Amino acid sequence: MIKVLFICHGNICRSTMAEYVMKYLVEQAELSADFYIDSAATSREEIGNGVHRGTRKKLKEVGIPCGDHRARQMTRRDYDEFDYLIGMESWNIRNMLRIVGDDPEQKIYKLLDFTDRKGEDIADPWYTGNFDATYRDVREGCEALLAWLVNR
């Protein structure tokens, strides 16, 4: 089983969007039994809060089911339990490394690193208000990540 953890600052917008988009793509590819997908935050700010209404609205608009995920903070233990820890932006990566200390197994990536836009960040819709742009980037990243994982 391939275990993927998506991570952003608060775990209510981007990482939860990526979690549900990836679950949807995996289900559509009939690979659900081969994957475990979750999401987490680098901060403690939103712990226990549900998926942001903008993320819920966008996922509903595109026909992707959104569950009842509650924000949680990433832990050092997640590094041991997951095969891939996928951040949304450079600050997430920096904070992820602060939590885990190091990445000796090369498990930490940015989501857009699997696309032709390697190195780019996914904008935080909490600040931009643009859930459409975030969805386009998340979808592109998740499709590329899934293709990369299937081809490994």
N, C-alpha and C. Protein backbone atom coordinates (compact mmCIF):
# COMPACT_ATOMS: atom_id res chain seq x y z
N MET A 1 0.84 -1.18 0.00
CA MET A 1 0.00 0.00 0.00
C MET A 1 0.88 1.24 0.00
N ILE A 2 0.53 2.22 -0.83
CA ILE A 2 1.25 3.48 -0.92
C ILE A 2 0.54 4.49 -0.02
N LYS A 3 1.29 5.06 0.91
CA LYS A 3 0.71 6.01 1.86
C LYS A 3 1.21 7.42 1.56
N VAL A 4 0.25 8.33 1.29
CA VAL A 4 0.56 9.70 0.90
C VAL A 4 -0.08 10.66 1.90
N LEU A 5 0.72 11.61 2.40
CA LEU A 5 0.23 12.64 3.31
C LEU A 5 0.44 13.99 2.65
N PHE A 6 -0.66 14.72 2.43
CA PHE A 6 -0.60 16.06 1.88
C PHE A 6 -0.55 17.07 3.03
N ILE A 7 0.30 18.09 2.89
CA ILE A 7 0.53 19.00 4.00
C ILE A 7 0.51 20.45 3.53
N CYS A 8 -0.19 21.29 4.31
CA CYS A 8 -0.14 22.73 4.10
C CYS A 8 -0.09 23.40 5.48
N HIS A 9 -0.27 24.69 5.51
CA HIS A 9 -0.13 25.42 6.77
C HIS A 9 -1.19 25.03 7.80
N GLY A 10 -2.47 25.11 7.40
CA GLY A 10 -3.54 24.91 8.38
C GLY A 10 -4.34 23.63 8.25
N ASN A 11 -4.24 22.95 7.12
CA ASN A 11 -4.95 21.70 6.87
C ASN A 11 -6.46 21.88 6.76
N ILE A 12 -6.87 23.02 6.20
CA ILE A 12 -8.29 23.22 5.96
C ILE A 12 -8.58 23.61 4.51
N CYS A 13 -7.57 24.03 3.75
CA CYS A 13 -7.78 24.45 2.36
C CYS A 13 -7.05 23.56 1.36
N ARG A 14 -5.75 23.81 1.16
CA ARG A 14 -5.00 23.13 0.10
C ARG A 14 -4.76 21.65 0.35
N SER A 15 -4.28 21.30 1.54
CA SER A 15 -3.96 19.88 1.77
C SER A 15 -5.21 19.01 1.80
N THR A 16 -6.31 19.55 2.33
CA THR A 16 -7.55 18.76 2.30
C THR A 16 -8.09 18.66 0.87
N MET A 17 -7.93 19.74 0.10
CA MET A 17 -8.34 19.68 -1.30
C MET A 17 -7.53 18.61 -2.02
N ALA A 18 -6.22 18.59 -1.79
CA ALA A 18 -5.36 17.58 -2.43
C ALA A 18 -5.74 16.17 -1.96
N GLU A 19 -6.04 16.02 -0.67
CA GLU A 19 -6.45 14.71 -0.14
C GLU A 19 -7.66 14.19 -0.90
N TYR A 20 -8.70 15.01 -1.02
CA TYR A 20 -9.93 14.54 -1.66
C TYR A 20 -9.81 14.42 -3.17
N VAL A 21 -9.03 15.29 -3.80
CA VAL A 21 -8.79 15.15 -5.25
C VAL A 21 -8.04 13.85 -5.52
N MET A 22 -7.02 13.57 -4.73
CA MET A 22 -6.22 12.35 -4.94
C MET A 22 -7.07 11.11 -4.67
N LYS A 23 -7.86 11.13 -3.62
CA LYS A 23 -8.74 9.98 -3.35
C LYS A 23 -9.68 9.74 -4.53
N TYR A 24 -10.20 10.81 -5.09
CA TYR A 24 -11.10 10.72 -6.23
C TYR A 24 -10.38 10.12 -7.45
N LEU A 25 -9.18 10.63 -7.75
CA LEU A 25 -8.42 10.14 -8.89
C LEU A 25 -8.05 8.66 -8.72
N VAL A 26 -7.66 8.29 -7.52
CA VAL A 26 -7.30 6.91 -7.22
C VAL A 26 -8.52 6.01 -7.38
N GLU A 27 -9.67 6.48 -6.91
CA GLU A 27 -10.90 5.71 -7.05
C GLU A 27 -11.27 5.54 -8.52
N GLN A 28 -11.16 6.63 -9.29
CA GLN A 28 -11.48 6.57 -10.71
C GLN A 28 -10.56 5.60 -11.45
N ALA A 29 -9.33 5.47 -10.98
CA ALA A 29 -8.37 4.55 -11.60
C ALA A 29 -8.48 3.13 -11.03
N GLU A 30 -9.47 2.93 -10.16
CA GLU A 30 -9.71 1.64 -9.51
C GLU A 30 -8.47 1.14 -8.75
N LEU A 31 -7.83 2.07 -8.03
CA LEU A 31 -6.62 1.77 -7.27
C LEU A 31 -6.79 2.03 -5.77
N SER A 32 -8.01 2.22 -5.32
CA SER A 32 -8.26 2.58 -3.92
C SER A 32 -7.63 1.60 -2.93
N ALA A 33 -7.62 0.33 -3.25
CA ALA A 33 -7.06 -0.67 -2.33
C ALA A 33 -5.54 -0.55 -2.21
N ASP A 34 -4.93 0.18 -3.14
CA ASP A 34 -3.47 0.31 -3.15
C ASP A 34 -2.96 1.58 -2.47
N PHE A 35 -3.88 2.44 -2.03
CA PHE A 35 -3.47 3.73 -1.49
C PHE A 35 -4.12 4.03 -0.14
N TYR A 36 -3.37 4.73 0.70
CA TYR A 36 -3.91 5.36 1.91
C TYR A 36 -3.52 6.83 1.80
N ILE A 37 -4.51 7.72 1.84
CA ILE A 37 -4.28 9.15 1.61
C ILE A 37 -4.87 9.94 2.77
N ASP A 38 -4.08 10.89 3.29
CA ASP A 38 -4.51 11.73 4.40
C ASP A 38 -3.91 13.12 4.22
N SER A 39 -4.19 14.02 5.14
CA SER A 39 -3.61 15.36 5.10
C SER A 39 -3.37 15.87 6.51
N ALA A 40 -2.50 16.88 6.60
CA ALA A 40 -2.13 17.44 7.90
C ALA A 40 -1.62 18.87 7.72
N ALA A 41 -1.40 19.53 8.84
CA ALA A 41 -0.91 20.91 8.87
C ALA A 41 0.50 20.97 9.44
N THR A 42 1.20 22.04 9.13
CA THR A 42 2.47 22.29 9.80
C THR A 42 2.25 23.13 11.06
N SER A 43 1.12 23.81 11.14
CA SER A 43 0.83 24.67 12.29
C SER A 43 -0.25 24.04 13.18
N ARG A 44 -0.49 24.68 14.29
CA ARG A 44 -1.53 24.23 15.21
C ARG A 44 -2.78 25.12 15.12
N GLU A 45 -2.77 26.12 14.27
CA GLU A 45 -3.80 27.15 14.23
C GLU A 45 -5.23 26.64 14.01
N GLU A 46 -5.38 25.64 13.18
CA GLU A 46 -6.72 25.18 12.79
C GLU A 46 -7.08 23.79 13.34
N ILE A 47 -6.25 23.24 14.22
CA ILE A 47 -6.47 21.88 14.72
C ILE A 47 -7.92 21.68 15.17
N GLY A 48 -8.53 20.62 14.66
CA GLY A 48 -9.90 20.29 14.99
C GLY A 48 -10.94 20.92 14.09
N ASN A 49 -10.54 21.92 13.31
CA ASN A 49 -11.49 22.57 12.41
C ASN A 49 -11.71 21.74 11.15
N GLY A 50 -12.89 21.89 10.58
CA GLY A 50 -13.24 21.15 9.38
C GLY A 50 -12.70 21.79 8.12
N VAL A 51 -12.99 21.16 7.00
CA VAL A 51 -12.57 21.64 5.69
C VAL A 51 -13.18 23.02 5.43
N HIS A 52 -12.36 23.93 4.92
CA HIS A 52 -12.80 25.31 4.64
C HIS A 52 -13.98 25.30 3.67
N ARG A 53 -14.91 26.19 3.88
CA ARG A 53 -16.11 26.24 3.04
C ARG A 53 -15.78 26.48 1.56
N GLY A 54 -14.71 27.24 1.28
CA GLY A 54 -14.30 27.47 -0.12
C GLY A 54 -13.81 26.20 -0.79
N THR A 55 -13.10 25.37 -0.04
CA THR A 55 -12.65 24.07 -0.56
C THR A 55 -13.85 23.16 -0.78
N ARG A 56 -14.75 23.12 0.20
CA ARG A 56 -15.97 22.30 0.06
C ARG A 56 -16.77 22.71 -1.18
N LYS A 57 -16.93 24.01 -1.34
CA LYS A 57 -17.72 24.54 -2.46
C LYS A 57 -17.08 24.17 -3.80
N LYS A 58 -15.77 24.33 -3.90
CA LYS A 58 -15.08 24.02 -5.16
C LYS A 58 -15.14 22.53 -5.47
N LEU A 59 -14.92 21.69 -4.47
CA LEU A 59 -14.98 20.25 -4.71
C LEU A 59 -16.39 19.82 -5.13
N LYS A 60 -17.39 20.38 -4.50
CA LYS A 60 -18.77 20.07 -4.88
C LYS A 60 -19.04 20.50 -6.33
N GLU A 61 -18.54 21.67 -6.68
CA GLU A 61 -18.73 22.22 -8.03
C GLU A 61 -18.15 21.29 -9.10
N VAL A 62 -17.03 20.63 -8.80
CA VAL A 62 -16.39 19.75 -9.79
C VAL A 62 -16.76 18.27 -9.59
N GLY A 63 -17.67 18.01 -8.66
CA GLY A 63 -18.17 16.64 -8.48
C GLY A 63 -17.26 15.71 -7.71
N ILE A 64 -16.41 16.26 -6.86
CA ILE A 64 -15.51 15.44 -6.05
C ILE A 64 -16.03 15.40 -4.62
N PRO A 65 -16.30 14.22 -4.08
CA PRO A 65 -16.80 14.11 -2.71
C PRO A 65 -15.80 14.65 -1.70
N CYS A 66 -16.33 15.34 -0.69
CA CYS A 66 -15.51 15.90 0.38
C CYS A 66 -16.00 15.32 1.70
N GLY A 67 -15.11 14.68 2.40
CA GLY A 67 -15.46 14.06 3.67
C GLY A 67 -15.42 15.02 4.85
N ASP A 68 -15.34 14.48 6.02
CA ASP A 68 -15.41 15.26 7.25
C ASP A 68 -14.04 15.34 7.93
N HIS A 69 -13.00 15.58 7.16
CA HIS A 69 -11.65 15.67 7.72
C HIS A 69 -11.58 16.81 8.75
N ARG A 70 -10.86 16.58 9.80
CA ARG A 70 -10.59 17.59 10.82
C ARG A 70 -9.10 17.87 10.82
N ALA A 71 -8.74 19.14 10.85
CA ALA A 71 -7.34 19.54 10.80
C ALA A 71 -6.55 18.93 11.95
N ARG A 72 -5.35 18.46 11.60
CA ARG A 72 -4.43 17.92 12.59
C ARG A 72 -3.03 18.37 12.22
N GLN A 73 -2.16 18.39 13.20
CA GLN A 73 -0.79 18.79 12.93
C GLN A 73 0.06 17.57 12.57
N MET A 74 0.92 17.76 11.60
CA MET A 74 1.88 16.74 11.21
C MET A 74 2.80 16.46 12.40
N THR A 75 3.23 15.21 12.53
CA THR A 75 4.14 14.83 13.60
C THR A 75 5.38 14.14 13.02
N ARG A 76 6.37 13.98 13.84
CA ARG A 76 7.59 13.26 13.44
C ARG A 76 7.23 11.82 13.05
N ARG A 77 6.26 11.27 13.74
CA ARG A 77 5.83 9.89 13.47
C ARG A 77 5.27 9.72 12.06
N ASP A 78 4.68 10.77 11.51
CA ASP A 78 4.15 10.70 10.15
C ASP A 78 5.25 10.37 9.15
N TYR A 79 6.45 10.82 9.41
CA TYR A 79 7.56 10.52 8.50
C TYR A 79 7.78 9.02 8.41
N ASP A 80 7.64 8.34 9.51
CA ASP A 80 7.83 6.89 9.53
C ASP A 80 6.63 6.14 8.94
N GLU A 81 5.44 6.70 9.09
CA GLU A 81 4.22 6.00 8.68
C GLU A 81 3.83 6.21 7.23
N PHE A 82 4.29 7.28 6.61
CA PHE A 82 3.91 7.59 5.23
C PHE A 82 5.09 7.41 4.29
N ASP A 83 4.78 7.05 3.05
CA ASP A 83 5.81 6.89 2.02
C ASP A 83 6.17 8.21 1.37
N TYR A 84 5.18 9.10 1.27
CA TYR A 84 5.37 10.39 0.62
C TYR A 84 4.69 11.46 1.45
N LEU A 85 5.41 12.56 1.71
CA LEU A 85 4.87 13.71 2.42
C LEU A 85 4.94 14.88 1.45
N ILE A 86 3.78 15.34 1.02
CA ILE A 86 3.69 16.28 -0.09
C ILE A 86 3.22 17.65 0.40
N GLY A 87 4.12 18.64 0.37
CA GLY A 87 3.78 20.01 0.75
C GLY A 87 3.26 20.80 -0.43
N MET A 88 2.60 21.90 -0.13
CA MET A 88 2.00 22.73 -1.17
C MET A 88 2.90 23.88 -1.61
N GLU A 89 3.84 24.27 -0.73
CA GLU A 89 4.69 25.43 -1.03
C GLU A 89 6.01 25.31 -0.26
N SER A 90 6.94 26.20 -0.59
CA SER A 90 8.27 26.18 0.01
C SER A 90 8.24 26.33 1.53
N TRP A 91 7.37 27.18 2.05
CA TRP A 91 7.28 27.36 3.51
C TRP A 91 6.80 26.07 4.18
N ASN A 92 5.89 25.36 3.52
CA ASN A 92 5.45 24.06 4.07
C ASN A 92 6.63 23.11 4.18
N ILE A 93 7.45 23.05 3.13
CA ILE A 93 8.60 22.15 3.12
C ILE A 93 9.56 22.51 4.26
N ARG A 94 9.82 23.79 4.41
CA ARG A 94 10.71 24.25 5.48
C ARG A 94 10.17 23.83 6.84
N ASN A 95 8.88 24.04 7.06
CA ASN A 95 8.27 23.68 8.35
C ASN A 95 8.16 22.17 8.54
N MET A 96 7.94 21.43 7.46
CA MET A 96 7.92 19.97 7.54
C MET A 96 9.28 19.46 8.01
N LEU A 97 10.34 20.04 7.46
CA LEU A 97 11.69 19.63 7.84
C LEU A 97 11.99 20.01 9.30
N ARG A 98 11.42 21.09 9.76
CA ARG A 98 11.57 21.45 11.18
C ARG A 98 10.92 20.39 12.07
N ILE A 99 9.79 19.87 11.62
CA ILE A 99 9.07 18.86 12.41
C ILE A 99 9.81 17.52 12.40
N VAL A 100 10.26 17.09 11.22
CA VAL A 100 10.87 15.76 11.12
C VAL A 100 12.38 15.77 11.30
N GLY A 101 13.01 16.93 11.17
CA GLY A 101 14.45 17.03 11.37
C GLY A 101 15.28 16.87 10.11
N ASP A 102 14.96 15.89 9.29
CA ASP A 102 15.73 15.61 8.08
C ASP A 102 14.89 14.72 7.17
N ASP A 103 15.33 14.54 5.96
CA ASP A 103 14.61 13.70 4.99
C ASP A 103 15.56 12.66 4.38
N PRO A 104 16.10 11.76 5.20
CA PRO A 104 17.08 10.80 4.69
C PRO A 104 16.51 9.82 3.67
N GLU A 105 15.21 9.58 3.71
CA GLU A 105 14.59 8.62 2.78
C GLU A 105 13.99 9.28 1.55
N GLN A 106 14.20 10.59 1.41
CA GLN A 106 13.69 11.34 0.24
C GLN A 106 12.19 11.15 0.07
N LYS A 107 11.45 11.44 1.13
CA LYS A 107 9.99 11.30 1.12
C LYS A 107 9.26 12.62 0.92
N ILE A 108 9.96 13.74 1.10
CA ILE A 108 9.33 15.06 1.10
C ILE A 108 9.46 15.73 -0.27
N TYR A 109 8.29 16.15 -0.79
CA TYR A 109 8.22 16.81 -2.10
C TYR A 109 7.21 17.95 -2.03
N LYS A 110 7.30 18.84 -3.02
CA LYS A 110 6.23 19.81 -3.26
C LYS A 110 5.33 19.21 -4.34
N LEU A 111 4.03 19.44 -4.24
CA LEU A 111 3.09 18.81 -5.16
C LEU A 111 3.38 19.14 -6.62
N LEU A 112 3.72 20.37 -6.92
CA LEU A 112 3.95 20.72 -8.32
C LEU A 112 5.29 20.21 -8.85
N ASP A 113 6.13 19.60 -7.99
CA ASP A 113 7.39 19.01 -8.45
C ASP A 113 7.16 17.83 -9.39
N PHE A 114 5.95 17.30 -9.41
CA PHE A 114 5.64 16.16 -10.28
C PHE A 114 5.14 16.62 -11.65
N THR A 115 5.04 17.92 -11.83
CA THR A 115 4.56 18.51 -13.08
C THR A 115 5.72 19.19 -13.81
N ASP A 116 5.40 19.83 -14.92
CA ASP A 116 6.39 20.63 -15.65
C ASP A 116 6.70 21.93 -14.92
N ARG A 117 6.00 22.18 -13.84
CA ARG A 117 6.16 23.43 -13.08
C ARG A 117 6.96 23.20 -11.79
N LYS A 118 7.92 22.29 -11.87
CA LYS A 118 8.75 21.92 -10.71
C LYS A 118 9.27 23.18 -10.01
N GLY A 119 9.15 23.17 -8.69
CA GLY A 119 9.63 24.29 -7.89
C GLY A 119 8.58 25.34 -7.58
N GLU A 120 7.48 25.34 -8.33
CA GLU A 120 6.44 26.34 -8.09
C GLU A 120 5.60 25.98 -6.86
N ASP A 121 5.04 27.02 -6.26
CA ASP A 121 4.17 26.86 -5.10
C ASP A 121 2.70 26.89 -5.51
N ILE A 122 1.87 26.28 -4.69
CA ILE A 122 0.42 26.39 -4.86
C ILE A 122 -0.06 27.49 -3.91
N ALA A 123 -0.67 28.51 -4.46
CA ALA A 123 -1.11 29.66 -3.66
C ALA A 123 -2.16 29.25 -2.63
N ASP A 124 -2.11 29.89 -1.48
CA ASP A 124 -3.03 29.61 -0.40
C ASP A 124 -4.32 30.41 -0.59
N PRO A 125 -5.45 29.73 -0.86
CA PRO A 125 -6.69 30.45 -1.09
C PRO A 125 -7.25 31.13 0.17
N TRP A 126 -6.71 30.77 1.32
CA TRP A 126 -7.09 31.48 2.56
C TRP A 126 -6.78 32.96 2.39
N TYR A 127 -5.66 33.25 1.70
CA TYR A 127 -5.22 34.63 1.49
C TYR A 127 -5.68 35.19 0.15
N THR A 128 -5.64 34.35 -0.91
CA THR A 128 -5.98 34.85 -2.25
C THR A 128 -7.48 34.87 -2.50
N GLY A 129 -8.21 33.97 -1.83
CA GLY A 129 -9.64 33.83 -2.09
C GLY A 129 -9.94 33.12 -3.39
N ASN A 130 -8.91 32.69 -4.12
CA ASN A 130 -9.09 32.09 -5.43
C ASN A 130 -9.00 30.56 -5.34
N PHE A 131 -10.10 29.94 -4.99
CA PHE A 131 -10.15 28.49 -4.89
C PHE A 131 -10.11 27.82 -6.25
N ASP A 132 -10.51 28.55 -7.30
CA ASP A 132 -10.44 28.00 -8.66
C ASP A 132 -8.99 27.76 -9.07
N ALA A 133 -8.13 28.74 -8.86
CA ALA A 133 -6.72 28.61 -9.22
C ALA A 133 -6.05 27.53 -8.37
N THR A 134 -6.37 27.49 -7.10
CA THR A 134 -5.81 26.47 -6.22
C THR A 134 -6.24 25.09 -6.70
N TYR A 135 -7.51 24.95 -7.04
CA TYR A 135 -7.99 23.65 -7.53
C TYR A 135 -7.25 23.24 -8.80
N ARG A 136 -7.08 24.15 -9.75
CA ARG A 136 -6.38 23.82 -11.00
C ARG A 136 -4.96 23.30 -10.70
N ASP A 137 -4.26 23.98 -9.80
CA ASP A 137 -2.90 23.56 -9.45
C ASP A 137 -2.90 22.23 -8.71
N VAL A 138 -3.81 22.07 -7.76
CA VAL A 138 -3.90 20.83 -7.00
C VAL A 138 -4.24 19.67 -7.92
N ARG A 139 -5.20 19.86 -8.80
CA ARG A 139 -5.60 18.81 -9.73
C ARG A 139 -4.43 18.41 -10.63
N GLU A 140 -3.74 19.41 -11.18
CA GLU A 140 -2.59 19.14 -12.03
C GLU A 140 -1.52 18.36 -11.26
N GLY A 141 -1.25 18.78 -10.04
CA GLY A 141 -0.25 18.12 -9.22
C GLY A 141 -0.64 16.70 -8.86
N CYS A 142 -1.89 16.50 -8.49
CA CYS A 142 -2.35 15.16 -8.10
C CYS A 142 -2.35 14.21 -9.29
N GLU A 143 -2.76 14.68 -10.46
CA GLU A 143 -2.74 13.83 -11.65
C GLU A 143 -1.31 13.41 -11.98
N ALA A 144 -0.39 14.36 -11.89
CA ALA A 144 1.01 14.06 -12.19
C ALA A 144 1.62 13.13 -11.13
N LEU A 145 1.29 13.36 -9.86
CA LEU A 145 1.78 12.50 -8.79
C LEU A 145 1.27 11.07 -8.97
N LEU A 146 -0.01 10.92 -9.27
CA LEU A 146 -0.56 9.58 -9.46
C LEU A 146 0.12 8.88 -10.63
N ALA A 147 0.31 9.58 -11.73
CA ALA A 147 0.98 8.98 -12.88
C ALA A 147 2.41 8.56 -12.51
N TRP A 148 3.10 9.41 -11.76
CA TRP A 148 4.47 9.10 -11.33
C TRP A 148 4.50 7.86 -10.44
N LEU A 149 3.56 7.78 -9.50
CA LEU A 149 3.51 6.64 -8.59
C LEU A 149 3.18 5.33 -9.32
N VAL A 150 2.24 5.41 -10.25
CA VAL A 150 1.84 4.22 -11.01
C VAL A 150 2.99 3.71 -11.89
N ASN A 151 3.79 4.63 -12.40
CA ASN A 151 4.90 4.26 -13.28
C ASN A 151 6.17 3.85 -12.55
N ARG A 152 6.19 3.97 -11.23
CA ARG A 152 7.39 3.60 -10.45
C ARG A 152 7.52 2.11 -10.32
